[in-house]
Amino acid sequence: FFSIMSTNTSESGSRNSVIPTTPLPKKQLFILALITLSEPIDLVFLFPFVYFMVENFGVTSNPDQIGLYVGILSSSFPAAQFLTSLLWGYLSDRFGRKPILLFGVFGSGMAMVVFGFSTSYWMALSFRILSGLLNGNMGVAKSIVGEITDDTNRAAGFSVIGFVTGLGFIIGPMIGGFLADPALHYPDLCGNSSFFIRFPYALPCIVTGFFSIVGSSFGLFMLEESLPRLKYKNNPEMKLELGTQATAPPTSKVLRTLLSPIVISSVLTYGLISFGTIMLDEAFAIWTVEDADDNGLQFSSSQVGIVLTFGGFVLLFVQMFIYPALSKRFGAVSIYRISMLLSAPIFVCYPLLSFIISEGKDNALEHQILLWSLLLLIVSVRTALEVTSFTASIIIISNCVTSKYLGSVNGFGQMVASGFRSLGPFLAGSIWSWSLANGKTFPFNHFFVFIVAAAICFVGFVLGVFLPKQLNRPKQTPLGDLSLLDDSKNNSVSSYENALYHDDVNTSVQSFSSLLFSNDNPPADSNSSVTSFSSMGLMSH
């Protein structure tokens, strides 16, 4: 994988000008991959069994309300992240990336282990919240990637995060789907185990915690600090070269940077795709296990795990073979636009499969073959679009500031995404329960939650229309740092914003087609080179 990623080239605006990529720091990226592998596993491992877990707790006697409590439990983790992600990013700018990352991985993992021993809904909710409060991992990890790569290999570096996420999306559902309630599913091995009868969901949580322990242990001894101010603190020459980057920015400047239009716009790209996909994931987790009478697919936890695992393999395939071809033609901004626009109709295709179940009672085998064929096709397309949109948004955020503000901006992005992710499952669960109870017809039946998720993706596309093409490449000066503007040369902040947005707004007015498909890479000049994002990365939820 590293060999494939490191042999790509970076193209400038001229197709005849090819700049070799800087070799990737393979050792550090490998260690970072081990550390962050637990993040996507933590996110998805409970989806195959969370419905049954809540049902076993007996928190409600009304089956139609189970989806609501599932949504609350699922949303508690990102809701807690919303409260602390910006803090962890800010602390990583102050005290270094390594200690904050390792603390988050280990602490969050241990909280998830205890989560598996929950004997009540409220105990499970408490430890899920604790795990989220301690977790600022992905924002810090993305900051590290941004600091150990340069213009020519940054997209390839972020593709490692995507590779790990895809691997986690494969491993996580397998852990949750095949290890949950072993006394029930493997009676010959565990049927007489009083431990697994009392704690049916402890085993997948223990295995998930193992990944956190392994990752943090490797990181403790092998991960190097990447924050330039600390990395070169004993090197006077490098400190001189870093200039203002060698000192931590004042809190006032950090706040001004975070509230600048370019940073807010960039962060919203990540937030909206997170919102839409987490709503779809939550709706999918409920819809697949619901009874056919309620327009569900009546899947078991193992069947849900199979579908999610298949999606993980698709993610890896798209990352390694499809995205590199697309990236040679489109910049990150155009890829984000296209992916968000196409995601909307794909989301609405899911509930159409319910008609196969309702019509397939007389010829079950043929209808099951048709159901699985169409479901896996939809999952494949949806996963491909999710990969490309997440990758583009991650690169866009990393390109809007330099290392001095990178931890805070990535923390801000994680905070916004976590806020949407906390709202998404609760909203999806509430809409699903409402749609079952209201007795209304289309579009307010089981389609409604999928339509809402699709609408969010379309809003993300509209935002992408106005993103400036400067976000297609890393910046040597932070776009969001308004304090760098010289008022004698720039009449106002509005002139700065106009300079950023003017070209793309004109483009969008000229032609809808060119807005979507034109190459947003700016022309080459003697002072710049442009990355041709030839690889992809994906952030876990």
Protein backbone atom coordinates (compact mmCIF):
# COMPACT_ATOMS: atom_id res chain seq x y z
CA PHE A 1 0.00 0.00 0.00
CA PHE A 2 2.77 2.45 0.93
CA SER A 3 4.56 1.61 -2.34
CA ILE A 4 1.44 2.39 -4.37
CA MET A 5 0.88 5.67 -2.57
CA SER A 6 4.50 6.86 -2.73
CA THR A 7 4.93 6.36 -6.49
CA ASN A 8 2.30 8.91 -7.47
CA THR A 9 3.30 12.24 -8.91
CA SER A 10 2.03 15.74 -8.39
CA GLU A 11 0.93 17.70 -11.41
CA SER A 12 0.86 21.43 -11.79
CA GLY A 13 -1.56 23.29 -13.98
CA SER A 14 0.45 22.24 -17.02
CA ARG A 15 -0.08 18.60 -17.92
CA ASN A 16 3.52 18.40 -19.12
CA SER A 17 4.97 19.49 -15.80
CA VAL A 18 5.34 16.59 -13.37
CA ILE A 19 6.86 17.02 -9.92
CA PRO A 20 8.00 13.83 -8.12
CA THR A 21 6.41 13.29 -4.76
CA THR A 22 8.42 13.41 -1.57
CA PRO A 23 8.78 9.90 -0.10
CA LEU A 24 6.23 9.23 2.60
CA PRO A 25 7.45 8.92 6.21
CA LYS A 26 6.40 5.27 6.21
CA LYS A 27 7.44 4.35 9.74
CA GLN A 28 5.56 7.20 11.38
CA LEU A 29 2.50 6.67 9.23
CA PHE A 30 2.51 2.97 10.07
CA ILE A 31 2.65 3.70 13.81
CA LEU A 32 -0.06 6.32 13.42
CA ALA A 33 -2.17 3.75 11.58
CA LEU A 34 -1.84 1.28 14.46
CA ILE A 35 -2.86 3.96 16.94
CA THR A 36 -5.88 5.22 15.03
CA LEU A 37 -7.19 1.78 14.00
CA SER A 38 -9.25 1.66 17.19
CA GLU A 39 -11.15 4.83 16.21
CA PRO A 40 -13.26 3.40 13.34
CA ILE A 41 -13.66 0.12 15.23
CA ASP A 42 -15.07 1.98 18.25
CA LEU A 43 -17.45 3.81 15.95
CA VAL A 44 -19.07 0.88 14.13
CA PHE A 45 -18.52 -2.28 16.18
CA LEU A 46 -21.76 -1.83 18.16
CA PHE A 47 -24.05 -1.21 15.16
CA PRO A 48 -24.78 -4.93 14.56
CA PHE A 49 -25.95 -5.49 18.14
CA VAL A 50 -26.97 -2.11 19.58
CA TYR A 51 -30.66 -2.67 18.78
CA PHE A 52 -30.66 -6.02 20.59
CA MET A 53 -28.64 -4.59 23.47
CA VAL A 54 -31.19 -1.84 24.10
CA GLU A 55 -34.02 -4.32 23.70
CA ASN A 56 -32.43 -6.62 26.33
CA PHE A 57 -32.14 -3.75 28.81
CA GLY A 58 -35.94 -3.51 28.79
CA VAL A 59 -35.82 0.27 28.84
CA THR A 60 -39.24 0.46 27.16
CA SER A 61 -42.18 -1.88 26.76
CA ASN A 62 -43.20 -0.30 23.45
CA PRO A 63 -41.27 -1.92 20.55
CA ASP A 64 -41.86 1.16 18.38
CA GLN A 65 -39.84 3.27 20.86
CA ILE A 66 -36.70 1.09 20.82
CA GLY A 67 -35.35 3.03 17.84
CA LEU A 68 -35.50 6.24 19.88
CA TYR A 69 -33.39 4.79 22.70
CA VAL A 70 -30.97 3.26 20.20
CA GLY A 71 -30.54 6.71 18.68
CA ILE A 72 -29.83 8.31 22.06
CA LEU A 73 -27.22 5.68 22.94
CA SER A 74 -25.53 5.92 19.55
CA SER A 75 -25.51 9.73 19.59
CA SER A 76 -24.08 10.01 23.11
CA PHE A 77 -20.52 9.27 21.97
CA PRO A 78 -20.29 12.07 19.37
CA ALA A 79 -22.26 14.40 21.67
CA ALA A 80 -19.54 14.00 24.28
CA GLN A 81 -16.88 14.51 21.60
CA PHE A 82 -18.59 17.77 20.70
CA LEU A 83 -17.86 19.08 24.19
CA THR A 84 -14.14 18.26 24.23
CA SER A 85 -12.80 17.97 20.64
CA LEU A 86 -11.85 21.64 20.37
CA LEU A 87 -10.18 21.45 23.78
CA TRP A 88 -8.08 18.43 22.79
CA GLY A 89 -7.06 20.13 19.53
CA TYR A 90 -6.11 23.32 21.37
CA LEU A 91 -4.12 21.34 23.96
CA SER A 92 -2.28 19.52 21.18
CA ASP A 93 -1.19 22.91 19.79
CA ARG A 94 0.13 23.77 23.27
CA PHE A 95 1.59 20.55 24.63
CA GLY A 96 2.19 18.41 21.56
CA ARG A 97 0.33 15.90 19.41
CA LYS A 98 1.73 12.69 20.92
CA PRO A 99 0.61 12.94 24.56
CA ILE A 100 -2.91 14.09 23.66
CA LEU A 101 -3.35 11.35 21.04
CA LEU A 102 -2.11 8.53 23.28
CA PHE A 103 -4.20 9.66 26.23
CA GLY A 104 -7.31 9.77 24.08
CA VAL A 105 -6.79 6.35 22.51
CA PHE A 106 -6.11 4.58 25.79
CA GLY A 107 -8.77 6.34 27.86
CA SER A 108 -11.51 5.97 25.29
CA GLY A 109 -10.67 2.30 24.75
CA MET A 110 -10.84 1.47 28.43
CA ALA A 111 -14.21 3.19 28.76
CA MET A 112 -15.53 1.04 25.91
CA VAL A 113 -14.39 -2.12 27.70
CA VAL A 114 -16.46 -1.18 30.76
CA PHE A 115 -19.35 -0.35 28.40
CA GLY A 116 -19.52 -4.04 27.56
CA PHE A 117 -20.22 -4.92 31.19
CA SER A 118 -23.24 -2.62 31.43
CA THR A 119 -26.23 -4.13 33.17
CA SER A 120 -28.63 -1.27 32.47
CA TYR A 121 -29.32 1.24 29.73
CA TRP A 122 -28.19 4.18 31.86
CA MET A 123 -24.88 2.50 32.76
CA ALA A 124 -24.20 1.86 29.07
CA LEU A 125 -25.09 5.46 28.25
CA SER A 126 -22.74 6.80 30.96
CA PHE A 127 -19.68 4.91 29.74
CA ARG A 128 -20.43 5.67 26.11
CA ILE A 129 -20.41 9.35 27.09
CA LEU A 130 -17.16 8.95 29.03
CA SER A 131 -15.51 7.33 26.02
CA GLY A 132 -16.52 10.28 23.86
CA LEU A 133 -15.28 12.88 26.38
CA LEU A 134 -11.83 11.31 26.39
CA ASN A 135 -11.68 10.98 22.61
CA GLY A 136 -10.01 13.68 20.55
CA ASN A 137 -8.05 11.23 18.47
CA MET A 138 -8.89 11.88 14.84
CA GLY A 139 -8.46 15.64 14.96
CA VAL A 140 -4.98 15.22 16.43
CA ALA A 141 -4.12 12.37 14.02
CA LYS A 142 -5.04 14.51 11.02
CA SER A 143 -2.85 17.29 12.39
CA ILE A 144 0.08 14.87 12.56
CA VAL A 145 -0.43 13.80 8.96
CA GLY A 146 -0.57 17.44 7.87
CA GLU A 147 2.75 18.13 9.62
CA ILE A 148 4.77 15.13 8.42
CA THR A 149 3.76 15.57 4.77
CA ASP A 150 4.21 18.39 2.25
CA ASP A 151 2.58 19.75 -0.90
CA THR A 152 3.49 16.73 -2.99
CA ASN A 153 2.47 13.85 -0.72
CA ARG A 154 -0.16 15.22 1.66
CA ALA A 155 -3.06 13.49 -0.10
CA ALA A 156 -1.09 10.24 -0.05
CA GLY A 157 -0.50 10.69 3.68
CA PHE A 158 -4.18 11.21 4.32
CA SER A 159 -4.91 8.08 2.31
CA VAL A 160 -3.30 6.12 5.15
CA ILE A 161 -6.03 7.42 7.47
CA GLY A 162 -8.53 6.28 4.87
CA PHE A 163 -6.91 2.87 4.61
CA VAL A 164 -7.06 2.43 8.38
CA THR A 165 -10.67 3.61 8.43
CA GLY A 166 -11.62 1.09 5.77
CA LEU A 167 -9.85 -1.65 7.69
CA GLY A 168 -11.67 -0.59 10.85
CA PHE A 169 -15.00 -0.65 9.00
CA ILE A 170 -14.24 -4.25 8.07
CA ILE A 171 -12.98 -5.39 11.47
CA GLY A 172 -15.54 -3.49 13.57
CA PRO A 173 -18.73 -5.07 12.19
CA MET A 174 -17.06 -8.48 12.27
CA ILE A 175 -16.28 -8.02 15.97
CA GLY A 176 -19.76 -6.79 16.81
CA GLY A 177 -21.65 -9.11 14.50
CA PHE A 178 -19.88 -12.38 15.28
CA LEU A 179 -18.81 -11.94 18.93
CA ALA A 180 -21.95 -10.40 20.42
CA ASP A 181 -23.98 -12.71 22.69
CA PRO A 182 -21.74 -15.78 22.23
CA ALA A 183 -23.87 -17.87 24.61
CA LEU A 184 -26.75 -17.57 22.14
CA HIS A 185 -24.83 -17.84 18.87
CA TYR A 186 -22.25 -20.43 19.92
CA PRO A 187 -24.07 -22.66 22.42
CA ASP A 188 -21.60 -25.53 22.07
CA LEU A 189 -18.72 -23.29 23.16
CA CYS A 190 -20.29 -20.66 25.39
CA GLY A 191 -23.83 -21.85 26.07
CA ASN A 192 -23.06 -22.85 29.65
CA SER A 193 -20.90 -19.82 30.45
CA SER A 194 -22.50 -17.81 33.25
CA PHE A 195 -20.16 -14.91 32.36
CA PHE A 196 -21.42 -14.58 28.77
CA ILE A 197 -25.01 -15.13 29.85
CA ARG A 198 -24.74 -12.27 32.33
CA PHE A 199 -22.63 -10.01 30.04
CA PRO A 200 -23.65 -10.94 26.49
CA TYR A 201 -21.88 -7.93 24.91
CA ALA A 202 -18.66 -7.93 26.93
CA LEU A 203 -16.61 -9.97 24.44
CA PRO A 204 -16.77 -7.55 21.47
CA CYS A 205 -16.01 -4.63 23.81
CA ILE A 206 -12.98 -6.40 25.30
CA VAL A 207 -11.63 -7.17 21.83
CA THR A 208 -12.18 -3.55 20.80
CA GLY A 209 -10.30 -2.35 23.89
CA PHE A 210 -7.40 -4.64 22.93
CA PHE A 211 -6.82 -2.60 19.78
CA SER A 212 -6.60 0.58 21.87
CA ILE A 213 -4.03 -0.98 24.22
CA VAL A 214 -1.86 -2.25 21.36
CA GLY A 215 -2.01 1.05 19.49
CA SER A 216 -1.20 3.24 22.48
CA SER A 217 1.66 0.91 23.51
CA PHE A 218 3.33 1.15 20.11
CA GLY A 219 2.77 4.90 20.04
CA LEU A 220 4.31 5.43 23.46
CA PHE A 221 7.69 4.08 22.33
CA MET A 222 7.76 4.69 18.57
CA LEU A 223 5.63 7.71 17.63
CA GLU A 224 7.60 10.94 17.23
CA GLU A 225 6.31 14.37 18.13
CA SER A 226 5.30 16.25 14.96
CA LEU A 227 4.44 19.73 16.26
CA PRO A 228 7.29 21.79 14.76
CA ARG A 229 7.60 24.03 17.80
CA LEU A 230 8.39 21.02 20.00
CA LYS A 231 10.01 18.81 17.38
CA TYR A 232 12.78 21.36 16.74
CA LYS A 233 12.95 22.98 20.17
CA ASN A 234 16.64 21.99 20.50
CA ASN A 235 17.55 23.05 16.96
CA PRO A 236 18.25 26.82 16.83
CA GLU A 237 18.54 26.88 13.03
CA MET A 238 15.17 25.24 12.52
CA LYS A 239 13.56 27.48 15.14
CA LEU A 240 14.87 30.50 13.24
CA GLU A 241 13.51 29.11 9.98
CA LEU A 242 10.12 28.46 11.55
CA GLY A 243 9.81 32.10 12.59
CA THR A 244 6.40 32.78 14.14
CA GLN A 245 5.53 29.11 13.79
CA ALA A 246 8.07 28.39 16.54
CA THR A 247 5.82 29.93 19.18
CA ALA A 248 2.33 28.94 20.28
CA PRO A 249 -0.28 31.37 18.94
CA PRO A 250 -2.17 33.57 21.41
CA THR A 251 -5.65 32.37 22.24
CA SER A 252 -7.16 35.51 20.70
CA LYS A 253 -5.55 34.73 17.33
CA VAL A 254 -6.71 31.13 17.51
CA LEU A 255 -10.30 32.27 18.04
CA ARG A 256 -10.08 34.78 15.18
CA THR A 257 -8.76 32.03 12.93
CA LEU A 258 -11.50 29.59 13.87
CA LEU A 259 -14.21 32.18 13.22
CA SER A 260 -12.87 33.29 9.82
CA PRO A 261 -15.16 32.56 6.84
CA ILE A 262 -12.71 30.23 5.10
CA VAL A 263 -12.27 28.02 8.18
CA ILE A 264 -16.00 27.91 8.94
CA SER A 265 -16.81 27.00 5.33
CA SER A 266 -14.15 24.28 5.28
CA VAL A 267 -15.28 22.80 8.57
CA LEU A 268 -18.92 22.76 7.47
CA THR A 269 -18.03 20.52 4.52
CA TYR A 270 -16.89 17.91 7.03
CA GLY A 271 -19.83 18.53 9.35
CA LEU A 272 -22.51 18.12 6.69
CA ILE A 273 -21.16 14.88 5.24
CA SER A 274 -20.84 13.57 8.81
CA PHE A 275 -24.45 14.57 9.52
CA GLY A 276 -25.87 12.92 6.42
CA THR A 277 -23.90 9.69 6.70
CA ILE A 278 -24.46 9.16 10.43
CA MET A 279 -28.20 9.61 9.91
CA LEU A 280 -28.10 7.04 7.15
CA ASP A 281 -26.00 4.65 9.25
CA GLU A 282 -28.41 4.89 12.17
CA ALA A 283 -31.46 4.48 9.95
CA PHE A 284 -29.81 1.51 8.28
CA ALA A 285 -29.04 -0.14 11.64
CA ILE A 286 -32.71 0.14 12.68
CA TRP A 287 -34.34 -0.51 9.30
CA THR A 288 -32.44 -3.72 8.56
CA VAL A 289 -33.49 -5.46 11.81
CA GLU A 290 -37.10 -4.24 11.93
CA ASP A 291 -39.93 -6.66 11.15
CA ALA A 292 -41.24 -6.84 7.62
CA ASP A 293 -44.60 -5.58 8.89
CA ASP A 294 -42.81 -2.33 9.79
CA ASN A 295 -41.06 -2.19 6.37
CA GLY A 296 -37.80 -3.60 7.73
CA LEU A 297 -35.59 -6.37 6.33
CA GLN A 298 -35.69 -8.67 9.39
CA PHE A 299 -31.89 -9.12 9.39
CA SER A 300 -29.97 -10.71 12.24
CA SER A 301 -26.92 -9.03 13.81
CA SER A 302 -24.68 -11.35 11.77
CA GLN A 303 -26.36 -10.31 8.51
CA VAL A 304 -25.97 -6.63 9.39
CA GLY A 305 -22.30 -7.33 10.14
CA ILE A 306 -21.88 -8.97 6.72
CA VAL A 307 -23.28 -5.92 4.93
CA LEU A 308 -21.10 -3.48 6.88
CA THR A 309 -18.02 -5.65 6.36
CA PHE A 310 -18.71 -5.74 2.62
CA GLY A 311 -18.87 -1.95 2.68
CA GLY A 312 -15.44 -1.88 4.31
CA PHE A 313 -13.94 -3.94 1.47
CA VAL A 314 -15.55 -1.62 -1.06
CA LEU A 315 -14.01 1.32 0.76
CA LEU A 316 -10.52 -0.16 0.43
CA PHE A 317 -11.04 -0.93 -3.25
CA VAL A 318 -12.27 2.57 -4.07
CA GLN A 319 -9.42 4.10 -2.10
CA MET A 320 -6.65 2.19 -3.83
CA PHE A 321 -7.93 1.91 -7.40
CA ILE A 322 -10.85 4.24 -8.17
CA TYR A 323 -9.99 7.45 -6.36
CA PRO A 324 -6.45 7.82 -7.80
CA ALA A 325 -7.92 7.86 -11.31
CA LEU A 326 -10.55 10.45 -10.35
CA SER A 327 -8.06 12.64 -8.52
CA LYS A 328 -5.93 13.13 -11.63
CA ARG A 329 -8.83 14.96 -13.23
CA PHE A 330 -10.58 16.68 -10.32
CA GLY A 331 -9.39 18.69 -7.32
CA ALA A 332 -10.71 18.15 -3.79
CA VAL A 333 -13.34 20.88 -4.14
CA SER A 334 -14.89 19.43 -7.31
CA ILE A 335 -14.80 15.90 -5.91
CA TYR A 336 -16.68 17.08 -2.83
CA ARG A 337 -19.34 18.76 -4.96
CA ILE A 338 -19.92 15.78 -7.22
CA SER A 339 -19.97 13.22 -4.40
CA MET A 340 -22.46 15.17 -2.29
CA LEU A 341 -24.77 15.77 -5.25
CA LEU A 342 -24.86 12.08 -6.23
CA SER A 343 -25.26 10.85 -2.65
CA ALA A 344 -28.75 12.30 -2.30
CA PRO A 345 -30.58 9.97 -4.75
CA ILE A 346 -28.57 6.94 -3.60
CA PHE A 347 -29.71 7.44 0.00
CA VAL A 348 -33.36 7.25 -1.09
CA CYS A 349 -32.77 3.93 -2.86
CA TYR A 350 -32.43 2.01 0.44
CA PRO A 351 -36.11 1.96 1.55
CA LEU A 352 -37.19 0.82 -1.92
CA LEU A 353 -35.82 -2.61 -0.99
CA SER A 354 -38.60 -3.04 1.56
CA PHE A 355 -40.98 -3.78 -1.31
CA ILE A 356 -38.96 -6.89 -2.17
CA ILE A 357 -39.56 -8.26 1.33
CA SER A 358 -43.29 -7.50 1.25
CA GLU A 359 -43.72 -9.08 -2.19
CA GLY A 360 -41.35 -12.02 -1.68
CA LYS A 361 -43.22 -14.27 0.74
CA ASP A 362 -44.32 -16.74 -1.95
CA ASN A 363 -40.91 -17.11 -3.61
CA ALA A 364 -38.47 -16.43 -0.77
CA LEU A 365 -35.24 -17.68 -2.36
CA GLU A 366 -35.49 -15.66 -5.57
CA HIS A 367 -36.51 -12.54 -3.68
CA GLN A 368 -33.65 -12.97 -1.18
CA ILE A 369 -31.16 -13.20 -4.06
CA LEU A 370 -32.64 -10.08 -5.61
CA LEU A 371 -32.66 -8.28 -2.24
CA TRP A 372 -29.02 -9.03 -1.46
CA SER A 373 -27.86 -8.20 -4.99
CA LEU A 374 -29.52 -4.78 -4.99
CA LEU A 375 -28.56 -4.05 -1.38
CA LEU A 376 -24.87 -4.74 -1.98
CA LEU A 377 -24.99 -2.68 -5.19
CA ILE A 378 -26.47 0.30 -3.34
CA VAL A 379 -23.97 -0.13 -0.49
CA SER A 380 -21.11 -0.17 -3.02
CA VAL A 381 -22.15 3.07 -4.71
CA ARG A 382 -22.96 4.78 -1.44
CA THR A 383 -19.60 3.76 0.08
CA ALA A 384 -17.69 5.03 -2.95
CA LEU A 385 -19.38 8.43 -2.71
CA GLU A 386 -18.83 8.56 1.05
CA VAL A 387 -15.13 7.80 0.60
CA THR A 388 -14.59 10.55 -1.93
CA SER A 389 -16.60 13.21 -0.09
CA PHE A 390 -14.94 12.53 3.28
CA THR A 391 -11.49 12.51 1.68
CA ALA A 392 -12.09 15.81 -0.04
CA SER A 393 -13.41 17.46 3.12
CA ILE A 394 -10.42 16.29 5.18
CA ILE A 395 -7.98 17.71 2.63
CA ILE A 396 -9.95 20.95 2.38
CA ILE A 397 -9.75 21.49 6.16
CA SER A 398 -6.03 20.69 6.29
CA ASN A 399 -5.35 23.12 3.44
CA CYS A 400 -7.03 26.13 5.04
CA VAL A 401 -4.35 26.77 7.73
CA THR A 402 -0.73 25.98 8.50
CA SER A 403 0.69 23.85 11.29
CA LYS A 404 0.51 26.65 13.85
CA TYR A 405 -3.30 26.45 13.92
CA LEU A 406 -3.77 22.93 12.56
CA GLY A 407 -4.57 21.23 15.86
CA SER A 408 -7.17 23.82 16.82
CA VAL A 409 -8.79 23.83 13.37
CA ASN A 410 -8.92 20.03 13.20
CA GLY A 411 -10.31 20.02 16.74
CA PHE A 412 -12.90 22.56 15.64
CA GLY A 413 -13.76 20.36 12.67
CA GLN A 414 -14.07 17.34 14.92
CA MET A 415 -16.27 19.33 17.29
CA VAL A 416 -18.64 20.42 14.53
CA ALA A 417 -18.76 16.92 13.06
CA SER A 418 -19.37 15.45 16.52
CA GLY A 419 -22.22 17.87 17.09
CA PHE A 420 -23.87 16.74 13.87
CA ARG A 421 -23.12 13.10 14.67
CA SER A 422 -24.74 13.44 18.07
CA LEU A 423 -27.83 14.99 16.53
CA GLY A 424 -27.96 12.52 13.63
CA PRO A 425 -28.67 9.23 15.46
CA PHE A 426 -31.17 10.89 17.81
CA LEU A 427 -32.92 12.57 14.89
CA ALA A 428 -32.90 9.36 12.81
CA GLY A 429 -34.25 7.27 15.69
CA SER A 430 -36.95 9.83 16.46
CA ILE A 431 -38.02 10.15 12.82
CA TRP A 432 -38.14 6.37 12.44
CA SER A 433 -40.28 5.91 15.55
CA TRP A 434 -42.57 8.74 14.43
CA SER A 435 -42.92 7.29 10.94
CA LEU A 436 -43.99 3.91 12.37
CA ALA A 437 -46.55 5.49 14.67
CA ASN A 438 -48.14 8.09 12.39
CA GLY A 439 -49.63 5.69 9.84
CA LYS A 440 -48.98 8.17 7.03
CA THR A 441 -48.10 7.34 3.43
CA PHE A 442 -45.11 8.38 1.32
CA PRO A 443 -43.05 10.47 1.92
CA PHE A 444 -43.79 10.39 5.67
CA ASN A 445 -43.58 6.61 6.02
CA HIS A 446 -40.32 4.63 6.36
CA PHE A 447 -38.89 6.68 3.47
CA PHE A 448 -38.86 9.90 5.46
CA VAL A 449 -35.65 9.43 7.47
CA PHE A 450 -33.75 8.52 4.28
CA ILE A 451 -35.16 11.58 2.49
CA VAL A 452 -33.99 13.85 5.32
CA ALA A 453 -30.47 12.37 5.12
CA ALA A 454 -30.48 12.92 1.35
CA ALA A 455 -31.55 16.54 1.80
CA ILE A 456 -28.57 17.14 4.11
CA CYS A 457 -26.23 15.89 1.40
CA PHE A 458 -27.78 18.28 -1.08
CA VAL A 459 -27.18 21.17 1.33
CA GLY A 460 -23.53 20.07 1.44
CA PHE A 461 -23.40 20.23 -2.35
CA VAL A 462 -24.75 23.79 -2.29
CA LEU A 463 -22.02 24.75 0.19
CA GLY A 464 -19.44 23.13 -2.08
CA VAL A 465 -20.52 25.40 -4.94
CA PHE A 466 -19.04 28.39 -3.10
CA LEU A 467 -15.78 26.83 -1.87
CA PRO A 468 -12.72 28.64 -3.29
CA LYS A 469 -10.32 26.76 -5.52
CA GLN A 470 -7.40 27.79 -3.26
CA LEU A 471 -8.43 24.95 -0.97
CA ASN A 472 -7.18 22.44 -3.54
CA ARG A 473 -3.63 22.76 -2.25
CA PRO A 474 -1.78 23.27 1.04
CA LYS A 475 -1.17 26.85 2.08
CA GLN A 476 2.08 28.19 3.43
CA THR A 477 0.25 30.99 5.22
CA PRO A 478 -2.93 30.31 7.17
CA LEU A 479 -5.94 31.44 5.16
CA GLY A 480 -7.91 31.78 8.35
CA ASP A 481 -5.36 33.95 10.20
CA LEU A 482 -6.80 37.41 9.61
CA SER A 483 -4.06 38.93 11.72
CA LEU A 484 -1.63 38.37 8.85
CA LEU A 485 -3.48 40.80 6.65
CA ASP A 486 -1.81 44.14 6.11
CA ASP A 487 -4.55 46.73 6.37
CA SER A 488 -2.47 49.15 4.34
CA LYS A 489 -2.63 46.76 1.39
CA ASN A 490 -6.09 45.32 2.01
CA ASN A 491 -8.92 47.73 2.56
CA SER A 492 -11.01 45.38 4.69
CA VAL A 493 -11.73 41.81 5.68
CA SER A 494 -14.37 41.76 2.99
CA SER A 495 -11.70 42.30 0.34
CA TYR A 496 -9.88 39.28 1.70
CA GLU A 497 -13.03 37.17 1.54
CA ASN A 498 -13.74 38.45 -1.96
CA ALA A 499 -10.27 37.41 -3.09
CA LEU A 500 -10.91 33.92 -1.78
CA TYR A 501 -14.40 33.40 -3.17
CA HIS A 502 -14.50 35.58 -6.30
CA ASP A 503 -13.22 33.07 -8.85
CA ASP A 504 -15.49 30.19 -7.87
CA VAL A 505 -18.61 32.32 -7.58
CA ASN A 506 -18.02 33.61 -11.09
CA THR A 507 -17.49 30.05 -12.26
CA SER A 508 -20.75 28.90 -10.70
CA VAL A 509 -22.65 31.72 -12.38
CA GLN A 510 -21.10 30.98 -15.77
CA SER A 511 -21.89 27.31 -16.01
CA PHE A 512 -23.34 24.56 -13.83
CA SER A 513 -21.32 22.00 -15.78
CA SER A 514 -17.99 23.77 -15.34
CA LEU A 515 -18.84 24.30 -11.66
CA LEU A 516 -18.99 20.55 -11.18
CA PHE A 517 -16.38 19.19 -13.50
CA SER A 518 -13.76 21.85 -14.26
CA ASN A 519 -10.25 21.26 -13.00
CA ASP A 520 -9.96 23.60 -10.03
CA ASN A 521 -6.18 23.41 -9.85
CA PRO A 522 -4.75 26.91 -10.37
CA PRO A 523 -2.18 27.49 -13.11
CA ALA A 524 1.40 26.79 -12.30
CA ASP A 525 3.87 29.56 -11.71
CA SER A 526 7.50 29.77 -10.70
CA ASN A 527 6.71 29.87 -7.02
CA SER A 528 4.17 27.10 -6.55
CA SER A 529 3.37 23.50 -7.26
CA VAL A 530 -0.01 21.89 -7.02
CA THR A 531 -0.81 18.52 -5.61
CA SER A 532 -2.90 16.28 -7.86
CA PHE A 533 -4.54 14.44 -4.97
CA SER A 534 -3.70 11.03 -6.36
CA SER A 535 -4.69 9.12 -3.27
CA MET A 536 -7.49 9.30 -0.80
CA GLY A 537 -8.13 9.25 2.90
CA LEU A 538 -11.24 8.88 4.97
CA MET A 539 -12.03 10.12 8.50
CA SER A 540 -13.91 7.94 10.72
CA HIS A 541 -17.06 9.20 12.30
